[in-house]
Amino acid sequence: MGASGTAYDVVVLAGGASRRFGGVDKATLVLEGVSLLDRVLAATESAESTVVVGPERATARVVRWTQEEPPAGGPVAGVAAGLGFGTAPVVVLLSCDLPWLTAGDVAGLVDGLGGYDGHGLRDLGGREQPLAAAYRRDALTAAVEAVGDPRDQSVRRTFAPLKMLWSKPSRAGRDVDTWADLDDPETAAPTE
């Protein structure tokens, strides 16, 4: 739950090809002794339910697993697959590569929704991160359903109709797309 007591479910996207990592499974990369996936799962322990979209891996806590059909359909297809789990009115949607995300950041997203469809993080460079956000389940579901077949759809185009609130730039919104991103998140240049 958020600090205000708002119940939420979590969908973690962990099915990408990790091409910029030379095919190394990004979810299993370890930073300070903890995999990137487990770092995200630790930040979301207070969720009503958690589903990870991607191939099943060992994790530090019990989660449900699913995959988009067919696999490798892209993040919107992953969101569509993950939305089939849980019933909470708020869904926190996260990529597995947000190693600096904390439980406080997640609670802030959930509690800060207000009258918006979604409340998302910005990375240190100010870039909006739609895969690091809390959404009203009904609004997120409607946006995904509106695209029809979710395979290979653009996340930004799919989520464009949603009324969003964005955080100030923060370390929590910094995702890991390259090996360099693991080095110094406070000073590394934003990735596009």
Protein backbone atom coordinates (compact mmCIF):
# COMPACT_ATOMS: atom_id res chain seq x y z
CA MET A 1 0.00 0.00 0.00
CA GLY A 2 0.95 3.57 -0.45
CA ALA A 3 1.63 5.62 2.67
CA SER A 4 -1.99 6.80 2.48
CA GLY A 5 -3.26 3.21 2.56
CA THR A 6 -4.08 3.02 -1.15
CA ALA A 7 -3.86 -0.59 -2.37
CA TYR A 8 -1.85 -1.24 -5.51
CA ASP A 9 -0.71 -4.14 -7.68
CA VAL A 10 2.67 -4.29 -9.40
CA VAL A 11 3.54 -5.32 -12.96
CA VAL A 12 7.29 -5.65 -13.56
CA LEU A 13 8.47 -5.93 -17.17
CA ALA A 14 11.47 -8.25 -17.38
CA GLY A 15 11.27 -9.84 -20.80
CA GLY A 16 13.46 -7.61 -22.95
CA ALA A 17 16.32 -8.87 -25.09
CA SER A 18 18.98 -6.66 -23.38
CA ARG A 19 20.66 -6.07 -26.76
CA ARG A 20 22.84 -3.22 -25.43
CA PHE A 21 24.18 -5.66 -22.83
CA GLY A 22 25.21 -8.14 -25.50
CA GLY A 23 22.34 -10.47 -24.70
CA VAL A 24 23.13 -10.66 -20.96
CA ASP A 25 19.84 -10.91 -19.04
CA LYS A 26 19.56 -7.40 -17.59
CA ALA A 27 17.16 -8.52 -14.84
CA THR A 28 19.87 -10.75 -13.35
CA LEU A 29 22.67 -8.14 -13.36
CA VAL A 30 23.92 -7.59 -9.82
CA LEU A 31 24.52 -4.19 -8.24
CA GLU A 32 25.79 -4.05 -4.66
CA GLY A 33 25.04 -7.76 -4.21
CA VAL A 34 21.40 -7.66 -5.40
CA SER A 35 20.02 -8.34 -8.89
CA LEU A 36 18.27 -5.49 -10.68
CA LEU A 37 15.01 -7.43 -10.60
CA ASP A 38 15.25 -8.10 -6.86
CA ARG A 39 15.99 -4.41 -6.22
CA VAL A 40 12.69 -3.48 -7.94
CA LEU A 41 10.86 -6.26 -6.08
CA ALA A 42 12.21 -4.99 -2.75
CA ALA A 43 10.83 -1.52 -3.50
CA THR A 44 7.37 -2.98 -4.12
CA GLU A 45 7.00 -5.41 -1.21
CA SER A 46 3.84 -3.69 0.05
CA ALA A 47 1.90 -4.43 -3.16
CA GLU A 48 -1.30 -6.45 -2.97
CA SER A 49 -0.01 -8.63 -5.82
CA THR A 50 3.12 -8.72 -7.97
CA VAL A 51 3.47 -10.23 -11.42
CA VAL A 52 6.71 -10.31 -13.38
CA VAL A 53 6.34 -10.46 -17.16
CA GLY A 54 9.22 -12.44 -18.62
CA PRO A 55 10.99 -15.77 -18.30
CA GLU A 56 10.90 -17.18 -14.78
CA ARG A 57 14.03 -16.59 -12.70
CA ALA A 58 15.02 -17.06 -9.07
CA THR A 59 13.88 -14.08 -6.97
CA ALA A 60 14.26 -13.04 -3.35
CA ARG A 61 10.48 -13.04 -2.82
CA VAL A 62 7.56 -14.96 -4.21
CA VAL A 63 5.91 -13.41 -7.28
CA ARG A 64 3.60 -14.57 -10.04
CA TRP A 65 5.02 -15.02 -13.52
CA THR A 66 3.54 -14.56 -16.96
CA GLN A 67 4.70 -13.87 -20.51
CA GLU A 68 3.19 -12.06 -23.43
CA GLU A 69 1.96 -14.34 -26.22
CA PRO A 70 4.01 -14.74 -28.30
CA PRO A 71 7.09 -13.82 -26.24
CA ALA A 72 9.25 -10.86 -27.31
CA GLY A 73 6.21 -8.78 -28.29
CA GLY A 74 7.55 -5.62 -26.68
CA PRO A 75 6.67 -3.69 -23.55
CA VAL A 76 3.04 -2.88 -24.45
CA ALA A 77 2.39 -6.58 -24.99
CA GLY A 78 4.03 -7.18 -21.61
CA VAL A 79 1.76 -4.62 -19.97
CA ALA A 80 -1.28 -6.29 -21.55
CA ALA A 81 -0.17 -9.67 -20.18
CA GLY A 82 0.50 -8.27 -16.72
CA LEU A 83 -2.83 -6.46 -16.43
CA GLY A 84 -4.56 -9.85 -16.23
CA PHE A 85 -3.32 -10.17 -12.63
CA GLY A 86 -4.52 -8.39 -9.52
CA THR A 87 -7.61 -6.33 -8.79
CA ALA A 88 -6.33 -3.22 -7.00
CA PRO A 89 -7.53 0.07 -8.51
CA VAL A 90 -3.92 1.26 -8.92
CA VAL A 91 -1.22 -0.54 -10.91
CA VAL A 92 2.44 0.33 -10.46
CA LEU A 93 4.16 -0.44 -13.76
CA LEU A 94 7.93 -0.83 -13.61
CA SER A 95 10.72 -2.01 -15.83
CA CYS A 96 13.16 -4.38 -14.11
CA ASP A 97 16.07 -1.98 -14.64
CA LEU A 98 15.37 0.67 -12.00
CA PRO A 99 18.01 -0.18 -9.37
CA TRP A 100 17.71 3.05 -7.37
CA LEU A 101 13.93 2.85 -6.90
CA THR A 102 12.86 2.70 -3.23
CA ALA A 103 9.67 1.81 -1.39
CA GLY A 104 9.31 5.52 -0.61
CA ASP A 105 9.43 6.37 -4.32
CA VAL A 106 6.70 3.81 -5.04
CA ALA A 107 4.51 5.10 -2.19
CA GLY A 108 4.99 8.64 -3.50
CA LEU A 109 3.82 7.61 -6.97
CA VAL A 110 0.73 5.85 -5.60
CA ASP A 111 -0.16 8.60 -3.14
CA GLY A 112 0.47 11.38 -5.67
CA LEU A 113 -1.98 10.17 -8.32
CA GLY A 114 -4.64 12.71 -7.34
CA GLY A 115 -6.94 13.34 -10.29
CA TYR A 116 -4.46 12.01 -12.85
CA ASP A 117 -4.49 8.74 -14.83
CA GLY A 118 -0.85 8.19 -13.95
CA HIS A 119 2.02 9.54 -11.89
CA GLY A 120 5.47 8.77 -13.21
CA LEU A 121 9.13 9.34 -12.51
CA ARG A 122 11.56 11.44 -14.53
CA ASP A 123 15.19 10.38 -14.80
CA LEU A 124 18.10 12.66 -13.87
CA GLY A 125 18.02 14.22 -17.33
CA GLY A 126 14.30 15.05 -17.04
CA ARG A 127 13.11 12.28 -19.37
CA GLU A 128 9.64 10.94 -18.53
CA GLN A 129 9.67 7.22 -17.67
CA PRO A 130 6.25 5.68 -18.43
CA LEU A 131 7.60 2.30 -17.28
CA ALA A 132 8.26 3.76 -13.83
CA ALA A 133 4.80 4.97 -12.86
CA ALA A 134 1.59 4.35 -10.94
CA TYR A 135 -1.60 4.22 -13.03
CA ARG A 136 -5.30 3.97 -12.44
CA ARG A 137 -6.08 0.42 -13.57
CA ASP A 138 -9.12 1.42 -15.63
CA ALA A 139 -7.24 4.18 -17.51
CA LEU A 140 -4.19 1.98 -18.21
CA THR A 141 -6.38 -0.91 -19.36
CA ALA A 142 -8.36 1.37 -21.70
CA ALA A 143 -5.15 2.79 -23.23
CA VAL A 144 -3.73 -0.69 -23.89
CA GLU A 145 -7.02 -2.03 -25.27
CA ALA A 146 -7.32 0.98 -27.62
CA VAL A 147 -4.24 -0.12 -29.61
CA GLY A 148 -5.75 -3.52 -30.50
CA ASP A 149 -2.94 -6.01 -30.94
CA PRO A 150 -0.35 -4.82 -28.38
CA ARG A 151 2.64 -6.52 -30.02
CA ASP A 152 5.38 -4.13 -31.11
CA GLN A 153 3.36 -1.03 -30.20
CA SER A 154 5.06 2.17 -29.02
CA VAL A 155 4.81 2.73 -25.27
CA ARG A 156 4.76 6.51 -25.65
CA ARG A 157 2.07 6.43 -28.35
CA THR A 158 -0.05 3.92 -26.41
CA PHE A 159 0.11 5.97 -23.21
CA ALA A 160 -0.24 9.38 -24.92
CA PRO A 161 -3.99 9.69 -24.16
CA LEU A 162 -3.37 9.34 -20.42
CA LYS A 163 -3.41 12.45 -18.23
CA MET A 164 -0.03 12.18 -16.48
CA LEU A 165 1.75 13.89 -13.61
CA TRP A 166 5.56 13.65 -13.64
CA SER A 167 8.01 13.88 -10.75
CA LYS A 168 10.99 16.18 -10.56
CA PRO A 169 14.10 14.55 -12.08
CA SER A 170 15.38 11.90 -9.70
CA ARG A 171 17.83 9.07 -9.29
CA ALA A 172 14.86 6.70 -8.79
CA GLY A 173 13.77 7.27 -12.40
CA ARG A 174 17.18 6.39 -13.79
CA ASP A 175 17.00 3.12 -15.69
CA VAL A 176 19.93 0.97 -16.75
CA ASP A 177 20.27 0.62 -20.52
CA THR A 178 24.05 0.25 -20.87
CA TRP A 179 26.99 -0.94 -18.78
CA ALA A 180 27.96 2.70 -18.20
CA ASP A 181 24.59 3.36 -16.52
CA LEU A 182 25.62 1.04 -13.68
CA ASP A 183 28.71 3.13 -12.87
CA ASP A 184 27.62 6.49 -11.48
CA PRO A 185 23.91 7.27 -11.77
CA GLU A 186 24.32 10.70 -10.14
CA THR A 187 26.64 12.05 -12.85
CA ALA A 188 26.10 9.85 -15.92
CA ALA A 189 24.57 11.53 -18.95
CA PRO A 190 20.91 10.68 -19.63
CA THR A 191 20.31 8.04 -22.29
CA GLU A 192 17.87 8.50 -25.12
